[in-house]
Protein backbone atom coordinates (compact mmCIF):
# COMPACT_ATOMS: atom_id res chain seq x y z
CA MET A 1 -8.81 -5.89 -27.02
CA PRO A 2 -10.16 -2.65 -28.46
CA GLY A 3 -10.18 0.26 -26.06
CA THR A 4 -7.51 -1.19 -23.78
CA THR A 5 -3.86 -0.30 -23.28
CA ARG A 6 -0.99 -2.09 -21.60
CA ARG A 7 1.90 -0.57 -19.74
CA LEU A 8 4.34 -1.32 -17.00
CA GLN A 9 3.26 0.34 -13.75
CA ALA A 10 3.90 0.20 -10.05
CA ILE A 11 0.73 -0.67 -8.13
CA MET A 12 0.07 0.30 -4.53
CA PHE A 13 -2.68 -0.98 -2.27
CA THR A 14 -3.17 0.49 1.19
CA ASP A 15 -5.41 -0.64 4.03
CA VAL A 16 -6.10 0.51 7.60
CA LYS A 17 -5.43 -2.27 10.09
CA GLY A 18 -8.54 -3.11 12.11
CA TYR A 19 -10.85 -0.83 10.12
CA SER A 20 -13.96 -3.01 10.48
CA ALA A 21 -13.49 -3.33 14.24
CA MET A 22 -12.94 0.43 14.49
CA MET A 23 -16.19 1.07 12.60
CA ALA A 24 -18.07 -1.27 14.93
CA GLU A 25 -16.62 0.45 17.99
CA ASP A 26 -17.12 4.10 16.98
CA GLU A 27 -18.34 4.74 13.46
CA ALA A 28 -18.29 8.55 13.63
CA ARG A 29 -14.72 8.64 14.96
CA THR A 30 -13.54 6.13 12.37
CA ILE A 31 -15.10 8.08 9.51
CA ARG A 32 -13.33 11.23 10.75
CA LEU A 33 -10.00 9.43 11.12
CA VAL A 34 -10.26 7.84 7.67
CA ALA A 35 -10.98 11.27 6.18
CA GLU A 36 -7.76 12.58 7.81
CA HIS A 37 -5.93 9.51 6.49
CA ARG A 38 -7.20 10.16 2.96
CA ASP A 39 -5.95 13.76 3.06
CA LEU A 40 -2.51 12.64 4.22
CA VAL A 41 -2.27 9.92 1.55
CA ARG A 42 -3.46 12.22 -1.24
CA GLU A 43 -0.85 14.84 -0.35
CA SER A 44 1.88 12.19 -0.62
CA LEU A 45 0.47 10.86 -3.89
CA ALA A 46 0.63 14.34 -5.39
CA ARG A 47 4.29 14.73 -4.37
CA HIS A 48 5.32 11.38 -5.84
CA GLY A 49 3.26 11.18 -9.03
CA GLY A 50 0.74 8.62 -7.80
CA GLU A 51 -2.57 8.34 -9.62
CA GLU A 52 -5.44 7.43 -7.31
CA LEU A 53 -7.71 5.02 -9.14
CA ARG A 54 -10.06 4.05 -6.35
CA THR A 55 -10.82 4.25 -2.66
CA ILE A 56 -13.04 1.75 -0.94
CA GLY A 57 -13.73 2.56 2.70
CA ASP A 58 -10.24 2.76 4.17
CA ALA A 59 -8.32 1.38 1.17
CA PHE A 60 -6.55 3.01 -1.76
CA LEU A 61 -5.62 1.62 -5.17
CA VAL A 62 -2.91 3.77 -6.74
CA VAL A 63 -0.60 3.45 -9.75
CA PHE A 64 2.76 5.06 -10.43
CA ASP A 65 5.02 5.23 -13.47
CA SER A 66 8.00 4.38 -11.25
CA ALA A 67 8.64 1.69 -8.66
CA LEU A 68 10.99 4.11 -6.89
CA HIS A 69 8.34 6.82 -6.67
CA ALA A 70 5.81 4.29 -5.38
CA THR A 71 8.22 3.10 -2.70
CA GLN A 72 9.21 6.63 -1.70
CA CYS A 73 5.53 7.54 -1.44
CA ALA A 74 4.78 4.46 0.69
CA LEU A 75 7.67 5.30 3.01
CA GLU A 76 6.53 8.91 3.31
CA ILE A 77 2.97 7.85 4.10
CA GLN A 78 4.13 5.44 6.80
CA ASP A 79 6.54 8.01 8.27
CA GLN A 80 3.77 10.60 8.41
CA MET A 81 1.31 8.16 9.97
CA LEU A 82 3.91 7.23 12.60
CA ALA A 83 4.55 10.89 13.45
CA ARG A 84 0.80 11.58 13.56
CA ASN A 85 0.14 8.58 15.82
CA ARG A 86 2.88 9.49 18.31
CA ALA A 87 1.04 12.70 19.14
CA LEU A 88 -2.35 11.05 19.70
CA PRO A 89 -4.02 8.70 22.19
CA PRO A 90 -4.47 5.09 21.00
CA ALA A 91 -8.15 5.55 20.10
CA GLU A 92 -7.18 8.28 17.58
CA GLN A 93 -4.37 6.32 15.91
CA LEU A 94 -4.47 4.64 12.51
CA VAL A 95 -2.07 1.92 11.40
CA LEU A 96 -1.64 1.18 7.70
CA ARG A 97 -0.40 -1.73 5.67
CA ILE A 98 0.93 -0.99 2.18
CA GLY A 99 1.63 -3.46 -0.61
CA LEU A 100 3.66 -2.71 -3.76
CA HIS A 101 4.22 -4.59 -7.00
CA VAL A 102 5.38 -3.58 -10.46
CA GLY A 103 4.12 -5.31 -13.57
CA ASP A 104 2.16 -5.21 -16.77
CA VAL A 105 -1.21 -3.50 -16.25
CA VAL A 106 -4.18 -3.52 -18.62
CA THR A 107 -6.10 -0.25 -18.58
CA GLU A 108 -9.60 -0.44 -19.99
CA ALA A 109 -11.36 2.39 -21.82
CA ASP A 110 -13.30 3.31 -18.66
CA GLY A 111 -10.07 3.70 -16.65
CA GLU A 112 -10.38 0.42 -14.74
CA ILE A 113 -7.21 -1.63 -14.44
CA ALA A 114 -6.78 -5.37 -14.55
CA GLY A 115 -4.20 -8.06 -14.98
CA GLU A 116 -2.10 -10.46 -12.99
CA ALA A 117 0.06 -7.61 -11.67
CA VAL A 118 -2.96 -5.92 -10.08
CA ASN A 119 -4.11 -9.19 -8.51
CA LEU A 120 -0.64 -9.82 -7.16
CA ALA A 121 -0.39 -6.34 -5.63
CA ALA A 122 -3.74 -6.91 -3.90
CA ARG A 123 -2.50 -10.20 -2.42
CA VAL A 124 0.74 -8.63 -1.17
CA GLU A 125 -0.79 -5.76 0.84
CA PRO A 126 -2.23 -7.89 3.71
CA LEU A 127 1.23 -9.41 4.22
CA ALA A 128 2.75 -6.04 5.11
CA PRO A 129 3.57 -5.61 8.76
CA PRO A 130 1.30 -3.12 10.56
CA GLY A 131 2.88 0.27 9.93
CA GLY A 132 5.05 -1.22 7.19
CA ILE A 133 5.33 -2.14 3.55
CA CYS A 134 5.39 -5.46 1.69
CA LEU A 135 6.96 -5.40 -1.75
CA THR A 136 7.63 -7.96 -4.42
CA ASP A 137 11.06 -8.85 -5.74
CA ALA A 138 10.24 -6.85 -8.90
CA VAL A 139 9.97 -3.67 -6.82
CA ALA A 140 12.91 -4.59 -4.60
CA ALA A 141 15.16 -4.97 -7.64
CA GLN A 142 14.25 -1.45 -8.78
CA VAL A 143 14.71 0.32 -5.44
CA ARG A 144 17.28 -1.72 -3.51
CA SER A 145 20.14 0.77 -3.83
CA ARG A 146 17.94 3.86 -3.90
CA ILE A 147 16.20 3.85 -0.54
CA ASP A 148 17.71 4.25 2.90
CA ARG A 149 15.61 1.58 4.63
CA PRO A 150 16.45 -2.08 5.05
CA MET A 151 14.37 -4.57 3.12
CA THR A 152 14.01 -7.89 4.89
CA PRO A 153 13.26 -11.03 2.85
CA MET A 154 10.11 -12.82 3.88
CA PRO A 155 9.66 -16.59 3.96
CA PRO A 156 7.98 -18.01 0.84
CA VAL A 157 4.22 -17.76 1.04
CA ALA A 158 1.39 -19.10 -1.11
CA LEU A 159 -0.80 -16.35 -2.53
CA LYS A 160 -4.42 -17.15 -3.37
CA ASN A 161 -4.84 -17.79 -7.11
CA ILE A 162 -1.25 -16.73 -7.90
CA VAL A 163 0.44 -19.63 -9.70
CA HIS A 164 4.01 -18.30 -9.45
CA PRO A 165 4.28 -16.21 -6.27
CA PRO A 166 7.29 -13.90 -6.23
CA ALA A 167 9.82 -13.50 -3.47
CA LEU A 168 8.58 -10.90 -1.00
CA PHE A 169 10.32 -8.30 1.13
CA ARG A 170 9.14 -6.14 3.98
CA ILE A 171 10.13 -2.74 5.17
CA VAL A 172 9.27 -2.03 8.79
CA VAL A 173 8.98 1.71 9.28
CA ALA A 174 8.47 1.38 13.02
CA PRO A 175 7.26 -1.54 15.06
CA VAL A 176 3.64 -1.13 16.08
CA PRO A 177 2.81 -2.38 19.58
CA VAL A 178 0.40 -5.28 19.54
CA PRO A 179 -2.21 -5.22 22.31
CA PRO A 180 -2.12 -8.27 24.64
């Protein structure tokens, strides 16, 4: 199509676990915490070559030219969030989920991105463990021997409107306590 380009990119989606409930409980605090979260994420994106395409509430859509850089950025973000949370009371903590995929991305003239790879990355993010990362086999193949964290295979899962779901892996940065 005229005005569009295609290229292979790593796609990252992030999301704050429990964001809607946090907003309902204390909107002002949540807005402040999400602003802190955005600063932390943007600093990591700058260090790893991530291009922020969009934020919606608590979520980021980011692209990278490298699956390794995307994974290193995701690990750094989760490590920093873990360190931040350890120093704060529970009400001030934020827990993220991050999803990663690498694939063919269509970039439209207005900068919007589309394509099956983007849809797949969006479906993968909610499957990440709280405080962790979910990545597709395409990313895992690129980073397997280049990161110092174990990747655990996940059981096969159906992904909404994805005809051929890939194998998925998770990286648990640190287990997040689940309230009773």
